[in-house]
Amino acid sequence: MTDDQLRFDVDPTVLVTVTERRGENERTLRLGPLGEPEARELATFLLNRGDAPPADGPWRVAVAGGVRVVALTRLEPRR
């Protein structure tokens, strides 16, 4: 008998990293872990897009006086 009955799949968890550069100033914010759908929604919002960005990035978008870089990092599931 196997232990497959006790196994279940969990949505992948993702860490969202946002870096903003304005002149010589740089700020980085890490958010998560989040479920992948929520992480993609957040990336869509931060990139000011109407549709979810493809792949996991990093993506760049111009902001007043600089640039914002958003990336998703998949986290290994806990066992």
PDB file of N, CA and C in Angstrom:
ATOM      1  N   MET A   1       0.843  -1.188   0.000  1.00  0.00           N
ATOM      2  CA  MET A   1       0.000   0.000   0.000  1.00  0.00           C
ATOM      3  C   MET A   1       0.885   1.247   0.000  1.00  0.00           C
ATOM      4  N   THR A   2       0.504   2.226  -0.789  1.00  0.00           N
ATOM      5  CA  THR A   2       1.282   3.466  -0.848  1.00  0.00           C
ATOM      6  C   THR A   2       0.611   4.549  -0.021  1.00  0.00           C
ATOM      7  N   ASP A   3       1.357   5.607   0.187  1.00  0.00           N
ATOM      8  CA  ASP A   3       0.835   6.735   0.963  1.00  0.00           C
ATOM      9  C   ASP A   3       0.189   7.800   0.081  1.00  0.00           C
ATOM     10  N   ASP A   4      -0.154   7.442  -1.164  1.00  0.00           N
ATOM     11  CA  ASP A   4      -0.742   8.412  -2.084  1.00  0.00           C
ATOM     12  C   ASP A   4      -2.065   8.972  -1.574  1.00  0.00           C
ATOM     13  N   GLN A   5      -2.749   8.228  -0.757  1.00  0.00           N
ATOM     14  CA  GLN A   5      -4.030   8.713  -0.225  1.00  0.00           C
ATOM     15  C   GLN A   5      -3.824   9.925   0.675  1.00  0.00           C
ATOM     16  N   LEU A   6      -2.649  10.040   1.259  1.00  0.00           N
ATOM     17  CA  LEU A   6      -2.388  11.138   2.172  1.00  0.00           C
ATOM     18  C   LEU A   6      -1.744  12.332   1.472  1.00  0.00           C
ATOM     19  N   ARG A   7      -1.420  12.183   0.207  1.00  0.00           N
ATOM     20  CA  ARG A   7      -0.770  13.242  -0.545  1.00  0.00           C
ATOM     21  C   ARG A   7      -1.804  14.150  -1.176  1.00  0.00           C
ATOM     22  N   PHE A   8      -1.507  15.418  -1.234  1.00  0.00           N
ATOM     23  CA  PHE A   8      -2.356  16.347  -1.968  1.00  0.00           C
ATOM     24  C   PHE A   8      -1.469  17.441  -2.546  1.00  0.00           C
ATOM     25  N   ASP A   9      -1.914  17.996  -3.651  1.00  0.00           N
ATOM     26  CA  ASP A   9      -1.157  19.049  -4.307  1.00  0.00           C
ATOM     27  C   ASP A   9      -1.633  20.402  -3.800  1.00  0.00           C
ATOM     28  N   VAL A  10      -0.677  21.286  -3.604  1.00  0.00           N
ATOM     29  CA  VAL A  10      -0.956  22.634  -3.139  1.00  0.00           C
ATOM     30  C   VAL A  10      -0.520  23.589  -4.246  1.00  0.00           C
ATOM     31  N   ASP A  11      -1.281  24.663  -4.429  1.00  0.00           N
ATOM     32  CA  ASP A  11      -0.864  25.656  -5.427  1.00  0.00           C
ATOM     33  C   ASP A  11       0.568  26.076  -5.153  1.00  0.00           C
ATOM     34  N   PRO A  12       1.341  26.270  -6.213  1.00  0.00           N
ATOM     35  CA  PRO A  12       2.717  26.727  -6.008  1.00  0.00           C
ATOM     36  C   PRO A  12       2.726  28.063  -5.279  1.00  0.00           C
ATOM     37  N   THR A  13       3.709  28.261  -4.435  1.00  0.00           N
ATOM     38  CA  THR A  13       3.846  29.540  -3.761  1.00  0.00           C
ATOM     39  C   THR A  13       4.971  30.317  -4.423  1.00  0.00           C
ATOM     40  N   VAL A  14       4.790  31.622  -4.411  1.00  0.00           N
ATOM     41  CA  VAL A  14       5.680  32.500  -5.156  1.00  0.00           C
ATOM     42  C   VAL A  14       6.054  33.691  -4.277  1.00  0.00           C
ATOM     43  N   LEU A  15       7.281  34.135  -4.407  1.00  0.00           N
ATOM     44  CA  LEU A  15       7.760  35.347  -3.765  1.00  0.00           C
ATOM     45  C   LEU A  15       7.809  36.431  -4.835  1.00  0.00           C
ATOM     46  N   VAL A  16       7.230  37.599  -4.546  1.00  0.00           N
ATOM     47  CA  VAL A  16       7.242  38.722  -5.481  1.00  0.00           C
ATOM     48  C   VAL A  16       8.315  39.704  -5.014  1.00  0.00           C
ATOM     49  N   THR A  17       9.245  40.040  -5.905  1.00  0.00           N
ATOM     50  CA  THR A  17      10.289  41.008  -5.586  1.00  0.00           C
ATOM     51  C   THR A  17      10.093  42.240  -6.466  1.00  0.00           C
ATOM     52  N   VAL A  18      10.025  43.403  -5.807  1.00  0.00           N
ATOM     53  CA  VAL A  18       9.844  44.672  -6.502  1.00  0.00           C
ATOM     54  C   VAL A  18      11.042  45.556  -6.182  1.00  0.00           C
ATOM     55  N   THR A  19      11.728  46.027  -7.216  1.00  0.00           N
ATOM     56  CA  THR A  19      12.853  46.944  -7.034  1.00  0.00           C
ATOM     57  C   THR A  19      12.564  48.211  -7.817  1.00  0.00           C
ATOM     58  N   GLU A  20      12.656  49.346  -7.127  1.00  0.00           N
ATOM     59  CA  GLU A  20      12.492  50.635  -7.799  1.00  0.00           C
ATOM     60  C   GLU A  20      13.795  51.401  -7.726  1.00  0.00           C
ATOM     61  N   ARG A  21      14.203  51.931  -8.879  1.00  0.00           N
ATOM     62  CA  ARG A  21      15.410  52.765  -8.957  1.00  0.00           C
ATOM     63  C   ARG A  21      14.997  54.148  -9.436  1.00  0.00           C
ATOM     64  N   ARG A  22      15.389  55.145  -8.656  1.00  0.00           N
ATOM     65  CA  ARG A  22      15.135  56.549  -9.029  1.00  0.00           C
ATOM     66  C   ARG A  22      16.421  57.307  -8.760  1.00  0.00           C
ATOM     67  N   GLY A  23      17.086  57.680  -9.837  1.00  0.00           N
ATOM     68  CA  GLY A  23      18.391  58.321  -9.673  1.00  0.00           C
ATOM     69  C   GLY A  23      19.351  57.326  -9.037  1.00  0.00           C
ATOM     70  N   GLU A  24      19.978  57.733  -7.950  1.00  0.00           N
ATOM     71  CA  GLU A  24      20.913  56.846  -7.253  1.00  0.00           C
ATOM     72  C   GLU A  24      20.227  56.042  -6.148  1.00  0.00           C
ATOM     73  N   ASN A  25      18.948  56.281  -5.910  1.00  0.00           N
ATOM     74  CA  ASN A  25      18.215  55.570  -4.862  1.00  0.00           C
ATOM     75  C   ASN A  25      17.623  54.278  -5.401  1.00  0.00           C
ATOM     76  N   GLU A  26      17.743  53.217  -4.615  1.00  0.00           N
ATOM     77  CA  GLU A  26      17.151  51.925  -4.977  1.00  0.00           C
ATOM     78  C   GLU A  26      16.473  51.342  -3.750  1.00  0.00           C
ATOM     79  N   ARG A  27      15.265  50.871  -3.942  1.00  0.00           N
ATOM     80  CA  ARG A  27      14.507  50.227  -2.858  1.00  0.00           C
ATOM     81  C   ARG A  27      14.012  48.886  -3.343  1.00  0.00           C
ATOM     82  N   THR A  28      14.090  47.887  -2.468  1.00  0.00           N
ATOM     83  CA  THR A  28      13.613  46.551  -2.805  1.00  0.00           C
ATOM     84  C   THR A  28      12.607  46.098  -1.759  1.00  0.00           C
ATOM     85  N   LEU A  29      11.524  45.512  -2.236  1.00  0.00           N
ATOM     86  CA  LEU A  29      10.469  44.984  -1.374  1.00  0.00           C
ATOM     87  C   LEU A  29      10.179  43.557  -1.801  1.00  0.00           C
ATOM     88  N   ARG A  30      10.138  42.652  -0.837  1.00  0.00           N
ATOM     89  CA  ARG A  30       9.787  41.254  -1.123  1.00  0.00           C
ATOM     90  C   ARG A  30       8.463  40.954  -0.445  1.00  0.00           C
ATOM     91  N   LEU A  31       7.543  40.378  -1.201  1.00  0.00           N
ATOM     92  CA  LEU A  31       6.211  40.064  -0.699  1.00  0.00           C
ATOM     93  C   LEU A  31       5.942  38.579  -0.860  1.00  0.00           C
ATOM     94  N   GLY A  32       5.403  37.967   0.155  1.00  0.00           N
ATOM     95  CA  GLY A  32       5.039  36.562   0.039  1.00  0.00           C
ATOM     96  C   GLY A  32       5.537  35.762   1.208  1.00  0.00           C
ATOM     97  N   PRO A  33       5.301  34.488   1.126  1.00  0.00           N
ATOM     98  CA  PRO A  33       4.858  33.763  -0.053  1.00  0.00           C
ATOM     99  C   PRO A  33       3.364  33.961  -0.324  1.00  0.00           C
ATOM    100  N   LEU A  34       3.052  33.980  -1.612  1.00  0.00           N
ATOM    101  CA  LEU A  34       1.680  34.111  -2.089  1.00  0.00           C
ATOM    102  C   LEU A  34       1.377  32.949  -3.019  1.00  0.00           C
ATOM    103  N   GLY A  35       0.107  32.635  -3.148  1.00  0.00           N
ATOM    104  CA  GLY A  35      -0.290  31.668  -4.165  1.00  0.00           C
ATOM    105  C   GLY A  35       0.037  32.248  -5.533  1.00  0.00           C
ATOM    106  N   GLU A  36       0.309  31.395  -6.503  1.00  0.00           N
ATOM    107  CA  GLU A  36       0.696  31.896  -7.823  1.00  0.00           C
ATOM    108  C   GLU A  36      -0.342  32.823  -8.447  1.00  0.00           C
ATOM    109  N   PRO A  37      -1.649  32.508  -8.380  1.00  0.00           N
ATOM    110  CA  PRO A  37      -2.624  33.440  -8.978  1.00  0.00           C
ATOM    111  C   PRO A  37      -2.578  34.840  -8.342  1.00  0.00           C
ATOM    112  N   GLU A  38      -2.445  34.899  -7.031  1.00  0.00           N
ATOM    113  CA  GLU A  38      -2.385  36.193  -6.347  1.00  0.00           C
ATOM    114  C   GLU A  38      -1.099  36.932  -6.693  1.00  0.00           C
ATOM    115  N   ALA A  39       0.013  36.210  -6.792  1.00  0.00           N
ATOM    116  CA  ALA A  39       1.294  36.834  -7.141  1.00  0.00           C
ATOM    117  C   ALA A  39       1.227  37.428  -8.548  1.00  0.00           C
ATOM    118  N   ARG A  40       0.610  36.722  -9.474  1.00  0.00           N
ATOM    119  CA  ARG A  40       0.489  37.233 -10.845  1.00  0.00           C
ATOM    120  C   ARG A  40      -0.433  38.463 -10.898  1.00  0.00           C
ATOM    121  N   GLU A  41      -1.502  38.459 -10.095  1.00  0.00           N
ATOM    122  CA  GLU A  41      -2.382  39.633 -10.026  1.00  0.00           C
ATOM    123  C   GLU A  41      -1.625  40.839  -9.488  1.00  0.00           C
ATOM    124  N   LEU A  42      -0.817  40.616  -8.454  1.00  0.00           N
ATOM    125  CA  LEU A  42      -0.025  41.707  -7.881  1.00  0.00           C
ATOM    126  C   LEU A  42       0.982  42.232  -8.904  1.00  0.00           C
ATOM    127  N   ALA A  43       1.657  41.335  -9.615  1.00  0.00           N
ATOM    128  CA  ALA A  43       2.610  41.757 -10.646  1.00  0.00           C
ATOM    129  C   ALA A  43       1.893  42.568 -11.724  1.00  0.00           C
ATOM    130  N   THR A  44       0.705  42.134 -12.128  1.00  0.00           N
ATOM    131  CA  THR A  44      -0.080  42.856 -13.129  1.00  0.00           C
ATOM    132  C   THR A  44      -0.361  44.280 -12.665  1.00  0.00           C
ATOM    133  N   PHE A  45      -0.758  44.423 -11.421  1.00  0.00           N
ATOM    134  CA  PHE A  45      -1.051  45.735 -10.840  1.00  0.00           C
ATOM    135  C   PHE A  45       0.214  46.602 -10.778  1.00  0.00           C
ATOM    136  N   LEU A  46       1.309  46.030 -10.275  1.00  0.00           N
ATOM    137  CA  LEU A  46       2.548  46.792 -10.116  1.00  0.00           C
ATOM    138  C   LEU A  46       3.149  47.229 -11.451  1.00  0.00           C
ATOM    139  N   LEU A  47       2.853  46.481 -12.502  1.00  0.00           N
ATOM    140  CA  LEU A  47       3.366  46.811 -13.829  1.00  0.00           C
ATOM    141  C   LEU A  47       2.401  47.671 -14.635  1.00  0.00           C
ATOM    142  N   ASN A  48       1.247  47.983 -14.018  1.00  0.00           N
ATOM    143  CA  ASN A  48       0.221  48.804 -14.660  1.00  0.00           C
ATOM    144  C   ASN A  48      -0.207  48.200 -16.001  1.00  0.00           C
ATOM    145  N   ARG A  49      -0.455  46.892 -15.979  1.00  0.00           N
ATOM    146  CA  ARG A  49      -0.859  46.173 -17.188  1.00  0.00           C
ATOM    147  C   ARG A  49      -2.337  45.812 -17.099  1.00  0.00           C
ATOM    148  N   GLY A  50      -2.925  45.541 -18.249  1.00  0.00           N
ATOM    149  CA  GLY A  50      -4.308  45.094 -18.285  1.00  0.00           C
ATOM    150  C   GLY A  50      -4.424  43.585 -18.266  1.00  0.00           C
ATOM    151  N   ASP A  51      -3.327  42.911 -18.612  1.00  0.00           N
ATOM    152  CA  ASP A  51      -3.329  41.447 -18.630  1.00  0.00           C
ATOM    153  C   ASP A  51      -2.120  40.938 -17.855  1.00  0.00           C
ATOM    154  N   ALA A  52      -2.209  39.705 -17.418  1.00  0.00           N
ATOM    155  CA  ALA A  52      -1.115  39.127 -16.628  1.00  0.00           C
ATOM    156  C   ALA A  52       0.141  38.984 -17.482  1.00  0.00           C
ATOM    157  N   PRO A  53       1.290  39.317 -16.922  1.00  0.00           N
ATOM    158  CA  PRO A  53       2.529  39.186 -17.684  1.00  0.00           C
ATOM    159  C   PRO A  53       2.888  37.721 -17.902  1.00  0.00           C
ATOM    160  N   PRO A  54       3.520  37.407 -19.045  1.00  0.00           N
ATOM    161  CA  PRO A  54       3.912  36.026 -19.308  1.00  0.00           C
ATOM    162  C   PRO A  54       5.138  35.627 -18.497  1.00  0.00           C
ATOM    163  N   ALA A  55       5.312  34.350 -18.322  1.00  0.00           N
ATOM    164  CA  ALA A  55       6.487  33.787 -17.627  1.00  0.00           C
ATOM    165  C   ALA A  55       6.622  34.354 -16.217  1.00  0.00           C
ATOM    166  N   ASP A  56       7.837  34.377 -15.692  1.00  0.00           N
ATOM    167  CA  ASP A  56       8.065  34.822 -14.315  1.00  0.00           C
ATOM    168  C   ASP A  56       8.908  36.086 -14.220  1.00  0.00           C
ATOM    169  N   GLY A  57       9.195  36.714 -15.325  1.00  0.00           N
ATOM    170  CA  GLY A  57       9.946  37.966 -15.300  1.00  0.00           C
ATOM    171  C   GLY A  57      11.439  37.722 -15.242  1.00  0.00           C
ATOM    172  N   PRO A  58      12.206  38.694 -14.934  1.00  0.00           N
ATOM    173  CA  PRO A  58      11.798  40.013 -14.442  1.00  0.00           C
ATOM    174  C   PRO A  58      11.235  40.892 -15.552  1.00  0.00           C
ATOM    175  N   TRP A  59      10.337  41.786 -15.126  1.00  0.00           N
ATOM    176  CA  TRP A  59       9.733  42.738 -16.041  1.00  0.00           C
ATOM    177  C   TRP A  59      10.106  44.134 -15.588  1.00  0.00           C
ATOM    178  N   ARG A  60      10.232  45.035 -16.536  1.00  0.00           N
ATOM    179  CA  ARG A  60      10.573  46.422 -16.245  1.00  0.00           C
ATOM    180  C   ARG A  60       9.451  47.339 -16.726  1.00  0.00           C
ATOM    181  N   VAL A  61       9.218  48.387 -15.948  1.00  0.00           N
ATOM    182  CA  VAL A  61       8.244  49.398 -16.347  1.00  0.00           C
ATOM    183  C   VAL A  61       8.783  50.751 -15.878  1.00  0.00           C
ATOM    184  N   ALA A  62       8.595  51.771 -16.712  1.00  0.00           N
ATOM    185  CA  ALA A  62       9.024  53.113 -16.343  1.00  0.00           C
ATOM    186  C   ALA A  62       8.087  53.679 -15.287  1.00  0.00           C
ATOM    187  N   VAL A  63       8.666  54.342 -14.302  1.00  0.00           N
ATOM    188  CA  VAL A  63       7.907  55.079 -13.284  1.00  0.00           C
ATOM    189  C   VAL A  63       8.502  56.472 -13.233  1.00  0.00           C
ATOM    190  N   ALA A  64       7.791  57.404 -12.617  1.00  0.00           N
ATOM    191  CA  ALA A  64       8.268  58.787 -12.569  1.00  0.00           C
ATOM    192  C   ALA A  64       9.690  58.844 -12.009  1.00  0.00           C
ATOM    193  N   GLY A  65      10.610  59.277 -12.842  1.00  0.00           N
ATOM    194  CA  GLY A  65      11.989  59.452 -12.385  1.00  0.00           C
ATOM    195  C   GLY A  65      12.821  58.188 -12.340  1.00  0.00           C
ATOM    196  N   GLY A  66      12.302  57.059 -12.840  1.00  0.00           N
ATOM    197  CA  GLY A  66      13.106  55.850 -12.748  1.00  0.00           C
ATOM    198  C   GLY A  66      12.468  54.637 -13.388  1.00  0.00           C
ATOM    199  N   VAL A  67      12.757  53.489 -12.801  1.00  0.00           N
ATOM    200  CA  VAL A  67      12.277  52.223 -13.339  1.00  0.00           C
ATOM    201  C   VAL A  67      11.873  51.298 -12.197  1.00  0.00           C
ATOM    202  N   ARG A  68      10.854  50.484 -12.444  1.00  0.00           N
ATOM    203  CA  ARG A  68      10.416  49.461 -11.487  1.00  0.00           C
ATOM    204  C   ARG A  68      10.652  48.100 -12.133  1.00  0.00           C
ATOM    205  N   VAL A  69      11.254  47.193 -11.374  1.00  0.00           N
ATOM    206  CA  VAL A  69      11.501  45.832 -11.848  1.00  0.00           C
ATOM    207  C   VAL A  69      10.736  44.883 -10.937  1.00  0.00           C
ATOM    208  N   VAL A  70       9.927  44.006 -11.527  1.00  0.00           N
ATOM    209  CA  VAL A  70       9.117  43.048 -10.783  1.00  0.00           C
ATOM    210  C   VAL A  70       9.507  41.641 -11.237  1.00  0.00           C
ATOM    211  N   ALA A  71       9.715  40.742 -10.273  1.00  0.00           N
ATOM    212  CA  ALA A  71      10.059  39.356 -10.603  1.00  0.00           C
ATOM    213  C   ALA A  71       9.332  38.409  -9.660  1.00  0.00           C
ATOM    214  N   LEU A  72       9.024  37.222 -10.166  1.00  0.00           N
ATOM    215  CA  LEU A  72       8.419  36.159  -9.367  1.00  0.00           C
ATOM    216  C   LEU A  72       9.449  35.063  -9.159  1.00  0.00           C
ATOM    217  N   THR A  73       9.537  34.561  -7.946  1.00  0.00           N
ATOM    218  CA  THR A  73      10.432  33.451  -7.637  1.00  0.00           C
ATOM    219  C   THR A  73       9.601  32.341  -7.026  1.00  0.00           C
ATOM    220  N   ARG A  74       9.633  31.174  -7.654  1.00  0.00           N
ATOM    221  CA  ARG A  74       8.885  30.021  -7.131  1.00  0.00           C
ATOM    222  C   ARG A  74       9.599  29.440  -5.922  1.00  0.00           C
ATOM    223  N   LEU A  75       8.831  29.133  -4.905  1.00  0.00           N
ATOM    224  CA  LEU A  75       9.379  28.539  -3.688  1.00  0.00           C
ATOM    225  C   LEU A  75       9.115  27.040  -3.705  1.00  0.00           C
ATOM    226  N   GLU A  76      10.040  26.290  -3.185  1.00  0.00           N
ATOM    227  CA  GLU A  76       9.890  24.843  -3.086  1.00  0.00           C
ATOM    228  C   GLU A  76       8.800  24.526  -2.068  1.00  0.00           C
ATOM    229  N   PRO A  77       7.911  23.581  -2.385  1.00  0.00           N
ATOM    230  CA  PRO A  77       6.869  23.225  -1.416  1.00  0.00           C
ATOM    231  C   PRO A  77       7.474  22.557  -0.192  1.00  0.00           C
ATOM    232  N   ARG A  78       6.858  22.811   0.948  1.00  0.00           N
ATOM    233  CA  ARG A  78       7.301  22.154   2.186  1.00  0.00           C
ATOM    234  C   ARG A  78       6.833  20.729   2.189  1.00  0.00           C
ATOM    235  N   ARG A  79       7.644  19.878   2.701  1.00  0.00           N
ATOM    236  CA  ARG A  79       7.268  18.456   2.771  1.00  0.00           C
ATOM    237  C   ARG A  79       7.179  18.003   4.194  1.00  0.00           C
TER     238      ARG A  79
END
